[in-house]
All heavy atoms as atom14 arrays in JSON, in Angstrom:
{
  "sequence": "YAADNGLIMLMARLDNLGKGASGAAVQNMNLRLGLDEST",
  "atom14_mask": [
    [1, 1, 1, 1, 1, 1, 1, 1, 1, 1, 1, 1, 0, 0],
    [1, 1, 1, 1, 1, 0, 0, 0, 0, 0, 0, 0, 0, 0],
    [1, 1, 1, 1, 1, 0, 0, 0, 0, 0, 0, 0, 0, 0],
    [1, 1, 1, 1, 1, 1, 1, 1, 0, 0, 0, 0, 0, 0],
    [1, 1, 1, 1, 1, 1, 1, 1, 0, 0, 0, 0, 0, 0],
    [1, 1, 1, 1, 0, 0, 0, 0, 0, 0, 0, 0, 0, 0],
    [1, 1, 1, 1, 1, 1, 1, 1, 0, 0, 0, 0, 0, 0],
    [1, 1, 1, 1, 1, 1, 1, 1, 0, 0, 0, 0, 0, 0],
    [1, 1, 1, 1, 1, 1, 1, 1, 0, 0, 0, 0, 0, 0],
    [1, 1, 1, 1, 1, 1, 1, 1, 0, 0, 0, 0, 0, 0],
    [1, 1, 1, 1, 1, 1, 1, 1, 0, 0, 0, 0, 0, 0],
    [1, 1, 1, 1, 1, 0, 0, 0, 0, 0, 0, 0, 0, 0],
    [1, 1, 1, 1, 1, 1, 1, 1, 1, 1, 1, 0, 0, 0],
    [1, 1, 1, 1, 1, 1, 1, 1, 0, 0, 0, 0, 0, 0],
    [1, 1, 1, 1, 1, 1, 1, 1, 0, 0, 0, 0, 0, 0],
    [1, 1, 1, 1, 1, 1, 1, 1, 0, 0, 0, 0, 0, 0],
    [1, 1, 1, 1, 1, 1, 1, 1, 0, 0, 0, 0, 0, 0],
    [1, 1, 1, 1, 0, 0, 0, 0, 0, 0, 0, 0, 0, 0],
    [1, 1, 1, 1, 1, 1, 1, 1, 1, 0, 0, 0, 0, 0],
    [1, 1, 1, 1, 0, 0, 0, 0, 0, 0, 0, 0, 0, 0],
    [1, 1, 1, 1, 1, 0, 0, 0, 0, 0, 0, 0, 0, 0],
    [1, 1, 1, 1, 1, 1, 0, 0, 0, 0, 0, 0, 0, 0],
    [1, 1, 1, 1, 0, 0, 0, 0, 0, 0, 0, 0, 0, 0],
    [1, 1, 1, 1, 1, 0, 0, 0, 0, 0, 0, 0, 0, 0],
    [1, 1, 1, 1, 1, 0, 0, 0, 0, 0, 0, 0, 0, 0],
    [1, 1, 1, 1, 1, 1, 1, 0, 0, 0, 0, 0, 0, 0],
    [1, 1, 1, 1, 1, 1, 1, 1, 1, 0, 0, 0, 0, 0],
    [1, 1, 1, 1, 1, 1, 1, 1, 0, 0, 0, 0, 0, 0],
    [1, 1, 1, 1, 1, 1, 1, 1, 0, 0, 0, 0, 0, 0],
    [1, 1, 1, 1, 1, 1, 1, 1, 0, 0, 0, 0, 0, 0],
    [1, 1, 1, 1, 1, 1, 1, 1, 0, 0, 0, 0, 0, 0],
    [1, 1, 1, 1, 1, 1, 1, 1, 1, 1, 1, 0, 0, 0],
    [1, 1, 1, 1, 1, 1, 1, 1, 0, 0, 0, 0, 0, 0],
    [1, 1, 1, 1, 0, 0, 0, 0, 0, 0, 0, 0, 0, 0],
    [1, 1, 1, 1, 1, 1, 1, 1, 0, 0, 0, 0, 0, 0],
    [1, 1, 1, 1, 1, 1, 1, 1, 0, 0, 0, 0, 0, 0],
    [1, 1, 1, 1, 1, 1, 1, 1, 1, 0, 0, 0, 0, 0],
    [1, 1, 1, 1, 1, 1, 0, 0, 0, 0, 0, 0, 0, 0],
    [1, 1, 1, 1, 1, 1, 1, 0, 0, 0, 0, 0, 0, 0]
  ],
  "atom14_positions": [
    [[101.1, 112.62, 49.86], [102.32, 113.43, 49.78], [102.77, 113.78, 51.2], [101.95, 114.12, 52.05], [102.07, 114.71, 48.98], [101.8, 114.46, 47.51], [100.5, 114.42, 47.02], [102.85, 114.22, 46.63], [100.25, 114.17, 45.68], [102.61, 113.96, 45.29], [101.31, 113.94, 44.82], [101.06, 113.67, 43.49], [0.0, 0.0, 0.0], [0.0, 0.0, 0.0]],
    [[104.07, 113.68, 51.45], [104.61, 113.94, 52.79], [105.92, 114.68, 52.68], [106.68, 114.51, 51.73], [104.81, 112.62, 53.54], [0.0, 0.0, 0.0], [0.0, 0.0, 0.0], [0.0, 0.0, 0.0], [0.0, 0.0, 0.0], [0.0, 0.0, 0.0], [0.0, 0.0, 0.0], [0.0, 0.0, 0.0], [0.0, 0.0, 0.0], [0.0, 0.0, 0.0]],
    [[106.18, 115.52, 53.69], [107.42, 116.3, 53.74], [108.16, 116.0, 55.04], [107.58, 115.5, 56.01], [107.12, 117.79, 53.64], [0.0, 0.0, 0.0], [0.0, 0.0, 0.0], [0.0, 0.0, 0.0], [0.0, 0.0, 0.0], [0.0, 0.0, 0.0], [0.0, 0.0, 0.0], [0.0, 0.0, 0.0], [0.0, 0.0, 0.0], [0.0, 0.0, 0.0]],
    [[109.44, 116.35, 55.07], [110.27, 116.11, 56.25], [109.86, 116.98, 57.43], [110.27, 116.73, 58.56], [111.75, 116.37, 55.93], [112.3, 115.34, 54.94], [111.73, 114.24, 54.87], [113.3, 115.65, 54.27], [0.0, 0.0, 0.0], [0.0, 0.0, 0.0], [0.0, 0.0, 0.0], [0.0, 0.0, 0.0], [0.0, 0.0, 0.0], [0.0, 0.0, 0.0]],
    [[109.05, 117.99, 57.19], [108.61, 118.88, 58.27], [107.39, 118.35, 59.03], [106.8, 119.06, 59.85], [108.31, 120.28, 57.73], [107.21, 120.27, 56.66], [106.61, 119.23, 56.39], [106.97, 121.42, 56.05], [0.0, 0.0, 0.0], [0.0, 0.0, 0.0], [0.0, 0.0, 0.0], [0.0, 0.0, 0.0], [0.0, 0.0, 0.0], [0.0, 0.0, 0.0]],
    [[106.98, 117.11, 58.73], [105.88, 116.5, 59.46], [104.51, 116.77, 58.88], [103.49, 116.39, 59.49], [0.0, 0.0, 0.0], [0.0, 0.0, 0.0], [0.0, 0.0, 0.0], [0.0, 0.0, 0.0], [0.0, 0.0, 0.0], [0.0, 0.0, 0.0], [0.0, 0.0, 0.0], [0.0, 0.0, 0.0], [0.0, 0.0, 0.0], [0.0, 0.0, 0.0]],
    [[104.42, 117.38, 57.71], [103.14, 117.66, 57.07], [102.81, 116.6, 56.03], [103.68, 116.12, 55.32], [103.16, 119.04, 56.42], [103.43, 120.23, 57.35], [103.43, 121.52, 56.55], [102.42, 120.28, 58.48], [0.0, 0.0, 0.0], [0.0, 0.0, 0.0], [0.0, 0.0, 0.0], [0.0, 0.0, 0.0], [0.0, 0.0, 0.0], [0.0, 0.0, 0.0]],
    [[101.53, 116.23, 55.97], [101.05, 115.2, 55.04], [99.83, 115.74, 54.31], [98.99, 116.43, 54.91], [100.67, 113.91, 55.79], [101.9, 113.3, 56.48], [100.05, 112.88, 54.84], [101.55, 112.14, 57.39], [0.0, 0.0, 0.0], [0.0, 0.0, 0.0], [0.0, 0.0, 0.0], [0.0, 0.0, 0.0], [0.0, 0.0, 0.0], [0.0, 0.0, 0.0]],
    [[99.71, 115.43, 53.03], [98.5, 115.75, 52.28], [97.96, 114.49, 51.61], [98.65, 113.86, 50.81], [98.79, 116.81, 51.2], [97.56, 117.21, 50.4], [96.3, 118.07, 51.38], [97.04, 119.71, 51.46], [0.0, 0.0, 0.0], [0.0, 0.0, 0.0], [0.0, 0.0, 0.0], [0.0, 0.0, 0.0], [0.0, 0.0, 0.0], [0.0, 0.0, 0.0]],
    [[96.75, 114.12, 51.98], [96.03, 113.05, 51.29], [95.18, 113.69, 50.2], [94.54, 114.72, 50.42], [95.11, 112.3, 52.26], [95.7, 111.78, 53.57], [94.62, 111.08, 54.39], [96.86, 110.84, 53.31], [0.0, 0.0, 0.0], [0.0, 0.0, 0.0], [0.0, 0.0, 0.0], [0.0, 0.0, 0.0], [0.0, 0.0, 0.0], [0.0, 0.0, 0.0]],
    [[95.14, 113.05, 49.03], [94.4, 113.63, 47.91], [93.65, 112.53, 47.16], [94.15, 111.42, 47.01], [95.34, 114.37, 46.95], [96.16, 115.46, 47.61], [97.22, 116.36, 46.45], [95.99, 117.34, 45.6], [0.0, 0.0, 0.0], [0.0, 0.0, 0.0], [0.0, 0.0, 0.0], [0.0, 0.0, 0.0], [0.0, 0.0, 0.0], [0.0, 0.0, 0.0]],
    [[92.46, 112.89, 46.69], [91.67, 111.99, 45.85], [91.24, 112.76, 44.6], [90.81, 113.92, 44.69], [90.45, 111.49, 46.6], [0.0, 0.0, 0.0], [0.0, 0.0, 0.0], [0.0, 0.0, 0.0], [0.0, 0.0, 0.0], [0.0, 0.0, 0.0], [0.0, 0.0, 0.0], [0.0, 0.0, 0.0], [0.0, 0.0, 0.0], [0.0, 0.0, 0.0]],
    [[91.33, 112.1, 43.46], [90.9, 112.71, 42.19], [89.84, 111.81, 41.57], [90.03, 110.6, 41.44], [92.1, 112.86, 41.25], [91.74, 113.42, 39.89], [92.96, 113.89, 39.12], [93.89, 112.81, 38.8], [95.04, 113.0, 38.14], [95.4, 114.22, 37.78], [95.83, 111.97, 37.87], [0.0, 0.0, 0.0], [0.0, 0.0, 0.0], [0.0, 0.0, 0.0]],
    [[88.73, 112.41, 41.16], [87.62, 111.63, 40.6], [86.76, 112.53, 39.73], [86.86, 113.76, 39.77], [86.77, 111.01, 41.71], [86.03, 111.96, 42.67], [84.81, 111.26, 43.27], [86.93, 112.43, 43.8], [0.0, 0.0, 0.0], [0.0, 0.0, 0.0], [0.0, 0.0, 0.0], [0.0, 0.0, 0.0], [0.0, 0.0, 0.0], [0.0, 0.0, 0.0]],
    [[85.9, 111.91, 38.95], [84.88, 112.63, 38.2], [83.7, 112.83, 39.14], [83.09, 111.85, 39.59], [84.47, 111.81, 36.97], [83.42, 112.5, 36.09], [82.85, 113.53, 36.52], [83.16, 112.01, 34.98], [0.0, 0.0, 0.0], [0.0, 0.0, 0.0], [0.0, 0.0, 0.0], [0.0, 0.0, 0.0], [0.0, 0.0, 0.0], [0.0, 0.0, 0.0]],
    [[83.34, 114.07, 39.42], [82.23, 114.32, 40.35], [80.91, 113.76, 39.84], [80.0, 113.47, 40.63], [82.08, 115.82, 40.63], [81.84, 116.63, 39.38], [82.68, 116.69, 38.48], [80.7, 117.28, 39.31], [0.0, 0.0, 0.0], [0.0, 0.0, 0.0], [0.0, 0.0, 0.0], [0.0, 0.0, 0.0], [0.0, 0.0, 0.0], [0.0, 0.0, 0.0]],
    [[80.78, 113.56, 38.52], [79.58, 112.95, 37.96], [79.75, 111.46, 37.69], [78.81, 110.79, 37.28], [79.19, 113.65, 36.65], [78.83, 115.13, 36.76], [78.4, 115.67, 35.4], [77.73, 115.37, 37.79], [0.0, 0.0, 0.0], [0.0, 0.0, 0.0], [0.0, 0.0, 0.0], [0.0, 0.0, 0.0], [0.0, 0.0, 0.0], [0.0, 0.0, 0.0]],
    [[80.97, 110.93, 37.91], [81.24, 109.51, 37.71], [81.24, 108.78, 39.03], [80.18, 108.47, 39.58], [0.0, 0.0, 0.0], [0.0, 0.0, 0.0], [0.0, 0.0, 0.0], [0.0, 0.0, 0.0], [0.0, 0.0, 0.0], [0.0, 0.0, 0.0], [0.0, 0.0, 0.0], [0.0, 0.0, 0.0], [0.0, 0.0, 0.0], [0.0, 0.0, 0.0]],
    [[82.44, 108.48, 39.55], [82.53, 107.84, 40.87], [81.87, 108.7, 41.94], [81.46, 108.18, 42.99], [84.0, 107.57, 41.2], [84.23, 106.79, 42.49], [83.61, 105.42, 42.47], [84.05, 104.59, 43.68], [83.24, 103.37, 43.87], [0.0, 0.0, 0.0], [0.0, 0.0, 0.0], [0.0, 0.0, 0.0], [0.0, 0.0, 0.0], [0.0, 0.0, 0.0]],
    [[81.74, 110.0, 41.67], [81.09, 110.88, 42.63], [79.58, 110.92, 42.53], [78.93, 111.6, 43.34], [0.0, 0.0, 0.0], [0.0, 0.0, 0.0], [0.0, 0.0, 0.0], [0.0, 0.0, 0.0], [0.0, 0.0, 0.0], [0.0, 0.0, 0.0], [0.0, 0.0, 0.0], [0.0, 0.0, 0.0], [0.0, 0.0, 0.0], [0.0, 0.0, 0.0]],
    [[78.99, 110.22, 41.58], [77.52, 110.26, 41.43], [77.01, 109.09, 40.61], [76.75, 108.0, 41.13], [77.09, 111.59, 40.82], [0.0, 0.0, 0.0], [0.0, 0.0, 0.0], [0.0, 0.0, 0.0], [0.0, 0.0, 0.0], [0.0, 0.0, 0.0], [0.0, 0.0, 0.0], [0.0, 0.0, 0.0], [0.0, 0.0, 0.0], [0.0, 0.0, 0.0]],
    [[76.87, 109.27, 39.29], [76.18, 108.28, 38.46], [76.96, 106.99, 38.29], [76.37, 105.9, 38.27], [75.88, 108.89, 37.09], [77.08, 109.33, 36.47], [0.0, 0.0, 0.0], [0.0, 0.0, 0.0], [0.0, 0.0, 0.0], [0.0, 0.0, 0.0], [0.0, 0.0, 0.0], [0.0, 0.0, 0.0], [0.0, 0.0, 0.0], [0.0, 0.0, 0.0]],
    [[78.27, 107.08, 38.15], [79.06, 105.85, 38.04], [78.94, 105.0, 39.28], [78.77, 103.77, 39.2], [0.0, 0.0, 0.0], [0.0, 0.0, 0.0], [0.0, 0.0, 0.0], [0.0, 0.0, 0.0], [0.0, 0.0, 0.0], [0.0, 0.0, 0.0], [0.0, 0.0, 0.0], [0.0, 0.0, 0.0], [0.0, 0.0, 0.0], [0.0, 0.0, 0.0]],
    [[79.02, 105.64, 40.44], [78.87, 104.9, 41.7], [77.49, 104.27, 41.8], [77.34, 103.15, 42.3], [79.11, 105.84, 42.88], [0.0, 0.0, 0.0], [0.0, 0.0, 0.0], [0.0, 0.0, 0.0], [0.0, 0.0, 0.0], [0.0, 0.0, 0.0], [0.0, 0.0, 0.0], [0.0, 0.0, 0.0], [0.0, 0.0, 0.0], [0.0, 0.0, 0.0]],
    [[76.47, 104.97, 41.32], [75.1, 104.43, 41.37], [74.98, 103.17, 40.53], [74.38, 102.17, 40.95], [74.11, 105.49, 40.9], [0.0, 0.0, 0.0], [0.0, 0.0, 0.0], [0.0, 0.0, 0.0], [0.0, 0.0, 0.0], [0.0, 0.0, 0.0], [0.0, 0.0, 0.0], [0.0, 0.0, 0.0], [0.0, 0.0, 0.0], [0.0, 0.0, 0.0]],
    [[75.56, 103.19, 39.33], [75.52, 102.0, 38.47], [76.35, 100.88, 39.08], [75.95, 99.7, 39.03], [76.0, 102.36, 37.05], [76.12, 101.11, 36.19], [75.04, 103.35, 36.4], [0.0, 0.0, 0.0], [0.0, 0.0, 0.0], [0.0, 0.0, 0.0], [0.0, 0.0, 0.0], [0.0, 0.0, 0.0], [0.0, 0.0, 0.0], [0.0, 0.0, 0.0]],
    [[77.49, 101.2, 39.64], [78.31, 100.19, 40.32], [77.52, 99.52, 41.44], [77.53, 98.29, 41.59], [79.58, 100.82, 40.88], [80.52, 99.81, 41.56], [81.73, 100.48, 42.2], [81.93, 101.69, 42.08], [82.54, 99.7, 42.88], [0.0, 0.0, 0.0], [0.0, 0.0, 0.0], [0.0, 0.0, 0.0], [0.0, 0.0, 0.0], [0.0, 0.0, 0.0]],
    [[76.8, 100.31, 42.23], [75.99, 99.75, 43.31], [74.86, 98.88, 42.77], [74.53, 97.84, 43.34], [75.43, 100.87, 44.18], [76.47, 101.48, 45.1], [77.3, 100.77, 45.65], [76.43, 102.79, 45.27], [0.0, 0.0, 0.0], [0.0, 0.0, 0.0], [0.0, 0.0, 0.0], [0.0, 0.0, 0.0], [0.0, 0.0, 0.0], [0.0, 0.0, 0.0]],
    [[74.25, 99.31, 41.66], [73.21, 98.5, 41.04], [73.78, 97.16, 40.58], [73.19, 96.09, 40.84], [72.61, 99.24, 39.84], [71.53, 98.45, 39.11], [71.23, 98.99, 37.4], [72.7, 98.32, 36.58], [0.0, 0.0, 0.0], [0.0, 0.0, 0.0], [0.0, 0.0, 0.0], [0.0, 0.0, 0.0], [0.0, 0.0, 0.0], [0.0, 0.0, 0.0]],
    [[74.92, 97.19, 39.9], [75.53, 95.95, 39.43], [75.79, 95.0, 40.59], [75.52, 93.79, 40.51], [76.86, 96.26, 38.73], [76.68, 96.9, 37.36], [75.63, 96.77, 36.74], [77.7, 97.6, 36.89], [0.0, 0.0, 0.0], [0.0, 0.0, 0.0], [0.0, 0.0, 0.0], [0.0, 0.0, 0.0], [0.0, 0.0, 0.0], [0.0, 0.0, 0.0]],
    [[76.33, 95.53, 41.66], [76.64, 94.72, 42.83], [75.38, 94.1, 43.42], [75.33, 92.9, 43.72], [77.36, 95.58, 43.88], [77.75, 94.91, 45.19], [78.71, 93.75, 44.96], [78.38, 95.94, 46.13], [0.0, 0.0, 0.0], [0.0, 0.0, 0.0], [0.0, 0.0, 0.0], [0.0, 0.0, 0.0], [0.0, 0.0, 0.0], [0.0, 0.0, 0.0]],
    [[74.35, 94.91, 43.58], [73.1, 94.41, 44.18], [72.43, 93.35, 43.32], [71.82, 92.4, 43.84], [72.13, 95.59, 44.39], [70.77, 95.2, 44.96], [70.89, 94.5, 46.29], [69.6, 94.05, 46.79], [69.02, 92.92, 46.46], [69.62, 92.09, 45.58], [67.85, 92.58, 46.96], [0.0, 0.0, 0.0], [0.0, 0.0, 0.0], [0.0, 0.0, 0.0]],
    [[72.56, 93.47, 41.99], [71.92, 92.51, 41.08], [72.77, 91.28, 40.8], [72.38, 90.41, 40.04], [71.58, 93.19, 39.77], [70.52, 94.32, 39.84], [70.32, 94.96, 38.47], [69.2, 93.8, 40.39], [0.0, 0.0, 0.0], [0.0, 0.0, 0.0], [0.0, 0.0, 0.0], [0.0, 0.0, 0.0], [0.0, 0.0, 0.0], [0.0, 0.0, 0.0]],
    [[73.96, 91.21, 41.42], [74.82, 90.06, 41.22], [75.58, 90.08, 39.92], [76.05, 89.04, 39.45], [0.0, 0.0, 0.0], [0.0, 0.0, 0.0], [0.0, 0.0, 0.0], [0.0, 0.0, 0.0], [0.0, 0.0, 0.0], [0.0, 0.0, 0.0], [0.0, 0.0, 0.0], [0.0, 0.0, 0.0], [0.0, 0.0, 0.0], [0.0, 0.0, 0.0]],
    [[75.73, 91.26, 39.32], [76.45, 91.41, 38.06], [77.9, 91.8, 38.34], [78.25, 92.2, 39.45], [75.79, 92.49, 37.21], [74.3, 92.32, 36.93], [73.75, 93.55, 36.2], [74.02, 91.06, 36.1], [0.0, 0.0, 0.0], [0.0, 0.0, 0.0], [0.0, 0.0, 0.0], [0.0, 0.0, 0.0], [0.0, 0.0, 0.0], [0.0, 0.0, 0.0]],
    [[78.74, 91.71, 37.32], [80.08, 92.24, 37.44], [79.99, 93.74, 37.72], [79.29, 94.47, 36.99], [80.84, 91.98, 36.15], [82.31, 92.36, 36.23], [82.61, 93.53, 36.59], [83.17, 91.51, 35.96], [0.0, 0.0, 0.0], [0.0, 0.0, 0.0], [0.0, 0.0, 0.0], [0.0, 0.0, 0.0], [0.0, 0.0, 0.0], [0.0, 0.0, 0.0]],
    [[80.7, 94.22, 38.73], [80.58, 95.61, 39.15], [80.97, 96.59, 38.04], [80.49, 97.73, 38.03], [81.45, 95.88, 40.38], [80.84, 95.41, 41.67], [81.74, 95.7, 42.87], [82.24, 96.84, 42.99], [81.94, 94.79, 43.69], [0.0, 0.0, 0.0], [0.0, 0.0, 0.0], [0.0, 0.0, 0.0], [0.0, 0.0, 0.0], [0.0, 0.0, 0.0]],
    [[81.81, 96.17, 37.13], [82.31, 97.08, 36.11], [81.43, 97.14, 34.87], [81.72, 97.91, 33.94], [83.73, 96.69, 35.7], [83.73, 95.38, 35.13], [0.0, 0.0, 0.0], [0.0, 0.0, 0.0], [0.0, 0.0, 0.0], [0.0, 0.0, 0.0], [0.0, 0.0, 0.0], [0.0, 0.0, 0.0], [0.0, 0.0, 0.0], [0.0, 0.0, 0.0]],
    [[80.33, 96.37, 34.82], [79.48, 96.35, 33.65], [78.92, 97.74, 33.36], [78.34, 98.39, 34.22], [78.31, 95.38, 33.83], [78.81, 94.07, 34.17], [77.48, 95.27, 32.56], [0.0, 0.0, 0.0], [0.0, 0.0, 0.0], [0.0, 0.0, 0.0], [0.0, 0.0, 0.0], [0.0, 0.0, 0.0], [0.0, 0.0, 0.0], [0.0, 0.0, 0.0]]
  ]
}
């Protein structure tokens, strides 16, 4: 988000227990084992 006054806000939305923890862990496991990352 940006305004004409020169201010910018970057924002991220996620599940703190998903991409922020357990989901990311499973994604990393899938990647390391050569599986589809989304499995």
